[in-house]
């Protein structure tokens, strides 16, 4: 995007002006969305994001600047101004990039931009039809195709320059069911780091029917009961608990400030021995996976909790400086407009030892949270609060009537110790977007589970006994 010689000149200038680390981030990112709503194309939009970010460190001070004017004069000017903010003495510094690495571990067969809009619309039409045909109670459905083609170059004063290209394809499916008096919604958001082959590899019509089924189920569901009871978290939606209630509290952006609940806990027991928690950015084609992070460090498989013992944090470059730990390939950003910070990739509980039959039979009366509507966790107190879009009562070891309008609240530190069972089948991952200081990013999460039940209603994962209060909303 800009000549290698200019990249070297920018980094050299930053170091000469007093920085002890300098970084150039270049991005050319194209996104396209096509929305098919109730039988018609509602919109088709394409946009390009193109620019550069320059980041300088001096000890634990950071200055970040960005621009979409990539002329030599402007890039050198903003670098010098940024370096002035460090208020560090000038120094003799010479620099040259000694290594260039291009890495693309996620195979793409058909780049979406090479495929005509008509083919994309045909996929949306069949998704829409599958959702509408599920039930006469489905009164509205929509499907949105989303694609992103992101090219990056990251050069650092370590001497390495990385270049990569990541292609994402996703579909948003929304449904509305009505009985003439009230409406209920169901949705799905499957996505992967891949091209248009996504539509051949993913059974989008079945997923559309699942979204419609959720809406219809909620239309006939009872209001959730209240009280303290055993809770079973499903894959996908249940993985939001892993991400929000636990993962954020292990990011160095929280830990390095000294107030996070897991500060100074390395090597200590923080969970039941059945719990192994992993953040893995290397999984091929997974929604949260990366080739290299936005700081020029290759993605890793990072075991955070191993059989209940805290082994590592999610660490970016600055967190590494403050905490004295190696970076874990976790510095991420939405675009060149954001400075990177420690962020999760795909975060999940490893498979445990328990069978589906044992998990189900262990509960006399409890609650199965199949799909979460949203929620958050506090990395200082570890308190969490999640709304449940779709849930079921567990009675006498059986999955029974559906419930709606539930909220799960609790204390994550306690929950990890009191987890009682972990399913033995890893299953698939939930695809989501995480918003934080460095913008909105694709992330994956899930909780391990046993195989599907014979009823076809649920796929079960982790039992947390008597630790979550199930409360009515409103």
Protein backbone atom coordinates (compact mmCIF):
# COMPACT_ATOMS: atom_id res chain seq x y z
CA UNK A 1 0.00 0.00 0.00
CA UNK A 2 2.98 2.27 0.58
CA UNK A 3 6.60 1.56 -0.40
CA UNK A 4 8.74 -0.52 1.94
CA UNK A 5 11.29 2.29 2.05
CA UNK A 6 8.70 4.71 3.39
CA UNK A 7 7.68 2.23 6.10
CA UNK A 8 11.33 2.04 7.17
CA UNK A 9 11.58 5.83 7.17
CA UNK A 10 8.48 6.18 9.39
CA UNK A 11 9.77 3.67 11.93
CA UNK A 12 13.24 5.21 11.91
CA UNK A 13 11.75 8.65 12.52
CA UNK A 14 9.73 7.40 15.47
CA UNK A 15 12.77 5.78 17.05
CA UNK A 16 14.96 8.82 16.40
CA UNK A 17 12.38 11.01 18.13
CA UNK A 18 12.62 8.96 21.33
CA UNK A 19 10.34 5.95 20.98
CA UNK A 20 11.68 2.55 22.03
CA UNK A 21 9.14 0.76 19.83
CA UNK A 22 7.45 1.86 16.61
CA UNK A 23 4.78 0.23 14.48
CA UNK A 24 3.09 0.91 11.15
CA UNK A 25 -0.29 -0.67 10.42
CA UNK A 26 -1.72 -0.49 6.89
CA UNK A 27 -5.20 -1.63 5.95
CA UNK A 28 -7.35 -1.99 2.85
CA UNK A 29 -10.72 -3.39 3.88
CA UNK A 30 -13.79 -3.87 1.69
CA UNK A 31 -17.21 -4.81 3.08
CA UNK A 32 -20.42 -5.67 1.24
CA UNK A 33 -23.92 -6.31 2.60
CA UNK A 34 -27.04 -7.43 0.74
CA UNK A 35 -30.37 -7.57 2.60
CA UNK A 36 -33.29 -9.67 1.39
CA UNK A 37 -36.38 -8.72 3.39
CA UNK A 38 -39.82 -10.30 2.99
CA UNK A 39 -39.24 -11.33 -0.62
CA UNK A 40 -37.38 -8.26 -1.91
CA UNK A 41 -33.85 -6.89 -1.99
CA UNK A 42 -33.94 -4.13 0.60
CA UNK A 43 -30.41 -2.81 0.09
CA UNK A 44 -27.01 -3.68 -1.38
CA UNK A 45 -24.06 -1.69 -0.04
CA UNK A 46 -20.31 -1.79 -0.55
CA UNK A 47 -17.72 0.30 1.26
CA UNK A 48 -13.95 0.51 1.48
CA UNK A 49 -11.85 1.42 4.51
CA UNK A 50 -8.28 2.38 3.63
CA UNK A 51 -5.64 3.95 5.84
CA UNK A 52 -2.70 3.71 8.19
CA UNK A 53 -2.10 3.73 11.93
CA UNK A 54 1.22 4.59 13.57
CA UNK A 55 1.92 3.61 17.16
CA UNK A 56 4.89 4.56 19.35
CA UNK A 57 5.94 3.26 22.78
CA UNK A 58 8.27 4.76 25.34
CA UNK A 59 8.41 2.47 28.35
CA UNK A 60 4.71 2.13 29.24
CA UNK A 61 3.55 5.30 27.47
CA UNK A 62 1.70 4.97 24.17
CA UNK A 63 0.90 7.44 21.42
CA UNK A 64 -1.30 6.41 18.50
CA UNK A 65 -2.22 8.34 15.37
CA UNK A 66 -4.04 7.35 12.19
CA UNK A 67 -4.85 8.78 8.77
CA UNK A 68 -6.27 7.92 5.37
CA UNK A 69 -3.90 10.37 3.68
CA UNK A 70 -1.01 8.07 2.78
CA UNK A 71 1.24 10.66 1.18
CA UNK A 72 4.83 10.59 2.34
CA UNK A 73 4.76 14.14 3.71
CA UNK A 74 1.63 13.49 5.79
CA UNK A 75 2.82 10.17 7.20
CA UNK A 76 6.15 11.62 8.28
CA UNK A 77 4.46 14.73 9.69
CA UNK A 78 2.00 12.83 11.91
CA UNK A 79 4.76 10.47 13.05
CA UNK A 80 6.89 13.39 14.21
CA UNK A 81 3.93 14.99 15.99
CA UNK A 82 3.07 11.72 17.70
CA UNK A 83 6.64 11.24 18.83
CA UNK A 84 6.62 14.74 20.31
CA UNK A 85 3.82 13.65 22.65
CA UNK A 86 6.17 11.11 24.22
CA UNK A 87 8.37 13.96 25.45
CA UNK A 88 11.40 11.70 25.15
CA UNK A 89 14.92 12.86 24.21
CA UNK A 90 15.99 12.33 20.63
CA UNK A 91 18.44 9.57 19.93
CA UNK A 92 20.54 8.14 17.16
CA UNK A 93 18.59 5.33 15.51
CA UNK A 94 18.95 3.44 12.26
CA UNK A 95 16.41 0.87 11.15
CA UNK A 96 15.67 -1.47 8.29
CA UNK A 97 13.15 -4.23 7.84
CA UNK A 98 15.01 -7.52 7.72
CA UNK A 99 12.18 -9.98 7.25
CA UNK A 100 8.89 -10.15 5.41
CA UNK A 101 6.25 -12.79 6.12
CA UNK A 102 3.03 -13.49 4.24
CA UNK A 103 0.68 -15.84 6.08
CA UNK A 104 -2.75 -17.13 5.10
CA UNK A 105 -3.75 -20.29 6.99
CA UNK A 106 -7.45 -20.05 6.15
CA UNK A 107 -8.17 -21.46 2.71
CA UNK A 108 -10.52 -19.42 0.52
CA UNK A 109 -11.93 -21.05 -2.61
CA UNK A 110 -14.17 -18.27 -3.98
CA UNK A 111 -13.49 -14.67 -2.97
CA UNK A 112 -16.97 -13.08 -2.60
CA UNK A 113 -16.06 -10.00 -4.64
CA UNK A 114 -15.48 -12.29 -7.64
CA UNK A 115 -19.04 -13.65 -7.47
CA UNK A 116 -21.96 -11.79 -9.05
CA UNK A 117 -24.65 -10.27 -6.87
CA UNK A 118 -27.27 -12.51 -8.50
CA UNK A 119 -25.72 -15.64 -7.03
CA UNK A 120 -25.64 -14.08 -3.57
CA UNK A 121 -29.29 -13.09 -3.86
CA UNK A 122 -30.22 -16.65 -4.85
CA UNK A 123 -28.70 -17.92 -1.62
CA UNK A 124 -30.68 -15.32 0.33
CA UNK A 125 -33.89 -16.32 -1.46
CA UNK A 126 -33.58 -19.95 -0.40
CA UNK A 127 -32.77 -18.93 3.19
CA UNK A 128 -35.81 -16.67 3.25
CA UNK A 129 -38.05 -19.38 1.82
CA UNK A 130 -36.85 -21.98 4.33
CA UNK A 131 -37.66 -19.64 7.21
CA UNK A 132 -41.09 -18.55 5.90
CA UNK A 133 -42.14 -22.10 5.03
CA UNK A 134 -41.41 -23.43 8.51
CA UNK A 135 -44.80 -22.39 9.91
CA UNK A 136 -47.85 -20.33 9.06
CA UNK A 137 -47.10 -18.41 12.27
CA UNK A 138 -43.93 -16.96 10.68
CA UNK A 139 -45.11 -13.59 9.39
CA UNK A 140 -41.77 -12.03 8.52
CA UNK A 141 -38.27 -13.18 7.63
CA UNK A 142 -35.12 -11.53 6.37
CA UNK A 143 -31.64 -12.68 5.36
CA UNK A 144 -28.54 -10.51 5.06
CA UNK A 145 -25.36 -11.54 3.27
CA UNK A 146 -22.24 -9.97 4.84
CA UNK A 147 -18.72 -10.23 3.45
CA UNK A 148 -15.38 -8.66 4.34
CA UNK A 149 -12.09 -8.78 2.45
CA UNK A 150 -9.37 -7.40 4.71
CA UNK A 151 -5.76 -6.89 3.61
CA UNK A 152 -3.19 -5.81 6.20
CA UNK A 153 0.48 -5.02 6.47
CA UNK A 154 2.03 -4.69 9.93
CA UNK A 155 5.65 -3.53 10.27
CA UNK A 156 7.38 -3.12 13.62
CA UNK A 157 10.71 -1.94 14.94
CA UNK A 158 11.40 -5.60 15.76
CA UNK A 159 12.33 -5.74 12.07
CA UNK A 160 9.49 -7.92 10.85
CA UNK A 161 6.82 -6.98 8.33
CA UNK A 162 3.72 -9.16 8.06
CA UNK A 163 1.19 -9.16 5.24
CA UNK A 164 -2.01 -11.14 5.10
CA UNK A 165 -5.49 -11.29 3.64
CA UNK A 166 -8.55 -12.49 5.57
CA UNK A 167 -11.90 -13.12 3.89
CA UNK A 168 -15.07 -13.41 5.99
CA UNK A 169 -18.55 -14.51 4.91
CA UNK A 170 -21.61 -14.46 7.13
CA UNK A 171 -25.40 -14.46 6.93
CA UNK A 172 -27.84 -12.79 9.35
CA UNK A 173 -31.20 -14.57 9.58
CA UNK A 174 -34.12 -12.93 11.40
CA UNK A 175 -37.64 -14.29 11.83
CA UNK A 176 -40.86 -13.07 13.45
CA UNK A 177 -43.71 -15.30 14.61
CA UNK A 178 -47.16 -14.02 15.53
CA UNK A 179 -50.46 -15.38 16.80
CA UNK A 180 -52.25 -12.15 15.98
CA UNK A 181 -51.83 -10.79 19.49
CA UNK A 182 -48.11 -10.88 20.19
CA UNK A 183 -44.86 -11.27 18.26
CA UNK A 184 -41.71 -13.26 19.07
CA UNK A 185 -38.38 -13.29 17.22
CA UNK A 186 -35.72 -15.84 16.39
CA UNK A 187 -32.34 -15.27 14.80
CA UNK A 188 -29.12 -16.98 13.70
CA UNK A 189 -25.74 -15.50 12.68
CA UNK A 190 -23.50 -18.20 11.13
CA UNK A 191 -20.17 -17.01 9.73
CA UNK A 192 -16.66 -18.26 8.93
CA UNK A 193 -13.31 -17.10 7.64
CA UNK A 194 -13.95 -18.35 4.11
CA UNK A 195 -15.35 -17.25 0.78
CA UNK A 196 -18.57 -18.06 -1.03
CA UNK A 197 -17.96 -21.76 -0.39
CA UNK A 198 -19.59 -20.87 2.94
CA UNK A 199 -22.97 -21.51 1.30
CA UNK A 200 -21.93 -25.04 0.30
CA UNK A 201 -20.26 -25.90 3.61
CA UNK A 202 -23.01 -24.55 5.89
CA UNK A 203 -26.60 -25.83 5.80
CA UNK A 204 -28.10 -22.35 5.79
CA UNK A 205 -31.63 -23.58 5.08
CA UNK A 206 -31.67 -25.77 8.18
CA UNK A 207 -30.24 -22.88 10.19
CA UNK A 208 -33.02 -20.64 8.84
CA UNK A 209 -35.58 -23.21 10.01
CA UNK A 210 -33.94 -23.23 13.44
CA UNK A 211 -34.34 -19.45 13.63
CA UNK A 212 -38.01 -19.81 12.70
CA UNK A 213 -38.45 -22.63 15.20
CA UNK A 214 -37.10 -20.41 17.97
CA UNK A 215 -39.62 -17.68 17.15
CA UNK A 216 -42.53 -20.13 17.09
CA UNK A 217 -41.36 -21.86 20.28
CA UNK A 218 -41.16 -18.55 22.13
CA UNK A 219 -44.63 -17.64 20.93
CA UNK A 220 -46.02 -20.58 22.89
CA UNK A 221 -43.53 -20.52 25.79
CA UNK A 222 -44.42 -19.77 29.42
CA UNK A 223 -42.77 -17.05 31.44
CA UNK A 224 -39.66 -18.27 33.23
CA UNK A 225 -39.87 -19.11 36.93
CA UNK A 226 -37.63 -17.43 39.47
CA UNK A 227 -35.26 -18.83 42.06
CA UNK A 228 -31.88 -20.44 42.56
CA UNK A 229 -31.52 -23.68 40.62
CA UNK A 230 -29.13 -25.83 38.59
CA UNK A 231 -28.46 -24.34 35.15
CA UNK A 232 -27.30 -26.08 31.97
CA UNK A 233 -25.61 -23.88 29.37
CA UNK A 234 -25.84 -24.84 25.69
CA UNK A 235 -23.17 -24.54 23.07
CA UNK A 236 -23.18 -21.38 21.02
CA UNK A 237 -25.35 -19.12 23.09
CA UNK A 238 -23.95 -20.61 26.28
CA UNK A 239 -20.48 -19.74 25.04
CA UNK A 240 -21.33 -16.09 25.56
CA UNK A 241 -20.97 -16.83 29.28
CA UNK A 242 -17.40 -18.01 28.69
CA UNK A 243 -16.57 -14.90 26.69
CA UNK A 244 -18.22 -12.21 28.78
CA UNK A 245 -18.04 -13.52 32.34
CA UNK A 246 -14.58 -15.12 32.21
CA UNK A 247 -12.63 -14.17 29.08
CA UNK A 248 -12.66 -10.40 29.51
CA UNK A 249 -11.41 -10.75 33.07
CA UNK A 250 -8.32 -12.57 31.70
CA UNK A 251 -7.32 -9.92 29.13
CA UNK A 252 -4.15 -8.01 29.94
CA UNK A 253 -5.93 -4.71 29.28
CA UNK A 254 -7.84 -5.52 32.50
CA UNK A 255 -5.15 -7.44 34.40
CA UNK A 256 -2.43 -4.80 33.87
CA UNK A 257 -4.58 -2.18 35.60
CA UNK A 258 -4.44 -4.17 38.82
CA UNK A 259 -8.15 -4.35 39.60
CA UNK A 260 -9.29 -7.44 37.70
CA UNK A 261 -10.59 -10.38 39.67
CA UNK A 262 -7.87 -12.71 38.31
CA UNK A 263 -4.90 -10.45 39.06
CA UNK A 264 -1.97 -12.28 40.70
CA UNK A 265 -3.70 -15.65 40.30
CA UNK A 266 -1.24 -17.37 37.91
CA UNK A 267 -0.52 -20.88 39.11
CA UNK A 268 -3.48 -20.85 41.50
CA UNK A 269 -6.69 -22.84 41.37
CA UNK A 270 -9.51 -20.71 39.97
CA UNK A 271 -11.99 -23.36 38.79
CA UNK A 272 -13.16 -26.95 39.19
CA UNK A 273 -10.58 -29.46 37.97
CA UNK A 274 -12.89 -30.42 35.09
CA UNK A 275 -12.50 -26.93 33.63
CA UNK A 276 -9.91 -26.23 30.93
CA UNK A 277 -10.36 -22.90 29.18
CA UNK A 278 -8.63 -22.12 25.87
CA UNK A 279 -8.36 -19.09 23.60
CA UNK A 280 -7.27 -20.29 20.15
CA UNK A 281 -6.73 -18.01 17.18
CA UNK A 282 -5.29 -20.76 14.96
CA UNK A 283 -8.41 -22.87 14.28
CA UNK A 284 -8.80 -23.13 10.48
CA UNK A 285 -11.59 -20.99 9.03
CA UNK A 286 -13.23 -20.30 12.40
CA UNK A 287 -14.96 -16.93 12.74
CA UNK A 288 -12.66 -15.70 15.52
CA UNK A 289 -9.42 -17.01 14.00
CA UNK A 290 -6.58 -14.86 12.67
CA UNK A 291 -3.32 -15.41 10.83
CA UNK A 292 -1.40 -12.84 12.81
CA UNK A 293 -2.66 -10.29 15.32
CA UNK A 294 -2.79 -6.56 14.62
CA UNK A 295 0.56 -6.07 16.35
CA UNK A 296 2.51 -8.44 14.09
CA UNK A 297 2.54 -11.51 16.34
CA UNK A 298 1.38 -14.88 15.00
CA UNK A 299 -1.84 -16.34 16.38
CA UNK A 300 -1.47 -18.91 19.16
CA UNK A 301 -3.39 -21.60 21.01
CA UNK A 302 -3.40 -20.15 24.51
CA UNK A 303 -4.41 -22.42 27.41
CA UNK A 304 -5.75 -20.01 30.02
CA UNK A 305 -7.03 -22.44 32.65
CA UNK A 306 -5.71 -26.00 32.73
CA UNK A 307 -7.71 -28.43 34.88
CA UNK A 308 -8.74 -25.61 37.15
CA UNK A 309 -5.32 -23.91 37.40
CA UNK A 310 -4.81 -20.44 35.90
CA UNK A 311 -1.91 -20.80 33.45
CA UNK A 312 -1.91 -17.67 31.32
CA UNK A 313 -3.59 -14.41 30.37
CA UNK A 314 -4.61 -12.92 27.01
CA UNK A 315 -1.66 -10.59 26.46
CA UNK A 316 -0.92 -7.80 23.97
CA UNK A 317 2.41 -5.97 23.53
CA UNK A 318 1.80 -3.29 26.13
CA UNK A 319 0.38 -5.81 28.56
CA UNK A 320 3.57 -7.79 28.03
CA UNK A 321 5.66 -4.77 29.03
CA UNK A 322 3.64 -4.04 32.14
CA UNK A 323 3.18 -7.63 33.31
CA UNK A 324 6.48 -9.16 32.23
CA UNK A 325 4.72 -11.94 30.27
CA UNK A 326 5.19 -12.84 26.60
CA UNK A 327 2.51 -11.57 24.19
CA UNK A 328 0.07 -14.24 23.05
CA UNK A 329 -0.87 -12.96 19.59
CA UNK A 330 -3.93 -11.24 21.06
CA UNK A 331 -3.51 -7.56 20.10
CA UNK A 332 -6.52 -6.85 17.90
CA UNK A 333 -8.37 -3.85 16.44
CA UNK A 334 -11.41 -3.25 14.27
CA UNK A 335 -9.53 -1.08 11.80
CA UNK A 336 -6.63 1.32 11.40
CA UNK A 337 -8.70 3.90 13.33
CA UNK A 338 -8.12 1.97 16.57
CA UNK A 339 -5.00 1.18 18.54
CA UNK A 340 -4.89 -2.57 19.30
CA UNK A 341 -5.47 -3.99 22.78
CA UNK A 342 -5.70 -7.52 24.16
CA UNK A 343 -8.78 -9.26 22.77
CA UNK A 344 -10.09 -12.81 22.56
CA UNK A 345 -10.22 -14.89 19.36
CA UNK A 346 -12.13 -18.19 19.83
CA UNK A 347 -12.60 -18.94 23.53
CA UNK A 348 -14.01 -22.21 24.82
CA UNK A 349 -14.09 -24.90 27.49
CA UNK A 350 -12.23 -28.02 26.36
CA UNK A 351 -14.29 -31.25 26.26
CA UNK A 352 -14.87 -32.80 29.66
CA UNK A 353 -15.52 -36.35 30.89
CA UNK A 354 -19.29 -36.37 31.26
CA UNK A 355 -21.94 -37.99 29.08
CA UNK A 356 -25.24 -36.50 28.06
CA UNK A 357 -27.16 -39.12 30.01
CA UNK A 358 -25.30 -38.35 33.22
CA UNK A 359 -25.75 -34.60 32.80
CA UNK A 360 -29.48 -34.86 32.21
CA UNK A 361 -30.10 -37.35 35.00
CA UNK A 362 -28.15 -35.26 37.50
CA UNK A 363 -30.88 -32.59 37.54
CA UNK A 364 -34.19 -33.07 39.30
CA UNK A 365 -35.40 -29.53 38.66
CA UNK A 366 -33.45 -26.90 36.78
CA UNK A 367 -33.13 -24.70 33.73
CA UNK A 368 -31.59 -25.22 30.30
CA UNK A 369 -30.37 -22.01 28.63
CA UNK A 370 -30.34 -22.76 24.91
CA UNK A 371 -29.95 -19.33 23.37
CA UNK A 372 -28.73 -16.12 24.99
CA UNK A 373 -30.07 -12.74 23.97
CA UNK A 374 -27.10 -10.78 25.32
CA UNK A 375 -25.37 -9.88 28.52
CA UNK A 376 -22.22 -8.70 30.20
CA UNK A 377 -19.67 -9.53 32.88
CA UNK A 378 -17.77 -7.25 35.25
CA UNK A 379 -14.03 -8.03 35.20
CA UNK A 380 -13.51 -6.32 38.57
CA UNK A 381 -16.25 -8.04 40.60
CA UNK A 382 -16.90 -11.02 38.25
CA UNK A 383 -20.65 -10.37 38.49
CA UNK A 384 -22.58 -11.27 35.32
CA UNK A 385 -26.07 -10.80 33.97
CA UNK A 386 -27.35 -12.52 30.81
CA UNK A 387 -30.76 -12.52 29.20
CA UNK A 388 -31.92 -15.89 27.85
CA UNK A 389 -33.74 -15.74 24.55
CA UNK A 390 -34.83 -19.38 24.65
CA UNK A 391 -34.77 -21.73 27.64
CA UNK A 392 -36.39 -24.91 28.92
CA UNK A 393 -37.36 -26.34 32.29
CA UNK A 394 -35.48 -29.51 33.28
CA UNK A 395 -37.68 -31.81 35.35
CA UNK A 396 -36.81 -35.30 36.62
CA UNK A 397 -33.87 -35.57 34.25
CA UNK A 398 -35.90 -34.57 31.19
CA UNK A 399 -36.09 -31.46 29.01
CA UNK A 400 -39.64 -30.14 29.35
CA UNK A 401 -41.60 -26.98 28.52
CA UNK A 402 -39.96 -23.92 26.91
CA UNK A 403 -39.56 -20.64 28.82
CA UNK A 404 -38.93 -17.04 27.83
CA UNK A 405 -37.92 -13.75 29.43
CA UNK A 406 -35.32 -15.17 31.81
CA UNK A 407 -32.14 -13.60 33.13
CA UNK A 408 -29.16 -15.47 34.56
CA UNK A 409 -27.18 -13.62 37.19
CA UNK A 410 -24.32 -14.71 39.37
CA UNK A 411 -20.66 -14.45 40.34
CA UNK A 412 -18.29 -16.00 37.78
CA UNK A 413 -15.52 -16.70 40.30
CA UNK A 414 -17.92 -18.88 42.29
CA UNK A 415 -19.48 -20.47 39.21
CA UNK A 416 -16.13 -21.78 37.97
CA UNK A 417 -15.52 -23.60 41.23
CA UNK A 418 -19.03 -25.01 41.43
CA UNK A 419 -19.28 -26.27 37.85
CA UNK A 420 -20.28 -29.86 38.34
CA UNK A 421 -20.14 -31.50 34.91
CA UNK A 422 -18.58 -30.77 31.51
CA UNK A 423 -19.78 -32.47 28.31
CA UNK A 424 -17.52 -34.70 26.27
CA UNK A 425 -18.20 -33.46 22.73
CA UNK A 426 -16.59 -30.23 21.57
CA UNK A 427 -19.26 -29.46 18.99
CA UNK A 428 -19.24 -26.28 16.90
CA UNK A 429 -18.59 -22.66 17.79
CA UNK A 430 -20.85 -19.64 18.17
CA UNK A 431 -19.99 -16.67 15.96
CA UNK A 432 -20.33 -13.22 17.45
CA UNK A 433 -19.01 -9.68 17.48
CA UNK A 434 -17.29 -8.23 20.52
CA UNK A 435 -17.17 -4.49 21.14
CA UNK A 436 -14.42 -3.03 23.33
CA UNK A 437 -11.75 -0.33 23.39
CA UNK A 438 -10.31 -1.32 20.01
CA UNK A 439 -13.64 -1.57 18.22
CA UNK A 440 -15.92 -4.41 17.13
CA UNK A 441 -14.26 -7.73 16.26
CA UNK A 442 -15.26 -11.22 15.09
CA UNK A 443 -14.96 -13.67 17.99
CA UNK A 444 -15.94 -17.28 18.56
CA UNK A 445 -16.95 -19.05 21.75
CA UNK A 446 -18.63 -22.19 22.99
CA UNK A 447 -18.91 -24.68 25.83
CA UNK A 448 -18.20 -28.36 25.22
CA UNK A 449 -21.19 -30.62 25.01
CA UNK A 450 -22.26 -34.23 24.68
CA UNK A 451 -24.02 -35.49 21.53
CA UNK A 452 -27.58 -34.37 20.66
CA UNK A 453 -30.43 -35.76 22.70
CA UNK A 454 -32.85 -38.21 21.11
CA UNK A 455 -35.61 -35.63 21.34
CA UNK A 456 -33.67 -33.32 19.06
CA UNK A 457 -34.57 -30.41 21.30
CA UNK A 458 -31.28 -29.70 22.98
CA UNK A 459 -27.54 -30.25 23.02
CA UNK A 460 -26.25 -30.00 26.56
CA UNK A 461 -23.02 -28.76 27.97
CA UNK A 462 -22.09 -27.58 31.45
CA UNK A 463 -24.05 -27.96 34.65
CA UNK A 464 -23.56 -25.19 37.21
CA UNK A 465 -25.26 -26.38 40.38
CA UNK A 466 -27.01 -23.89 42.65
CA UNK A 467 -24.90 -20.93 41.61
CA UNK A 468 -27.02 -18.88 39.21
CA UNK A 469 -30.17 -17.05 40.21
CA UNK A 470 -32.82 -17.30 37.51
CA UNK A 471 -34.91 -14.12 37.64
CA UNK A 472 -37.92 -12.82 35.75
CA UNK A 473 -37.27 -9.77 33.62
CA UNK A 474 -39.44 -6.77 34.31
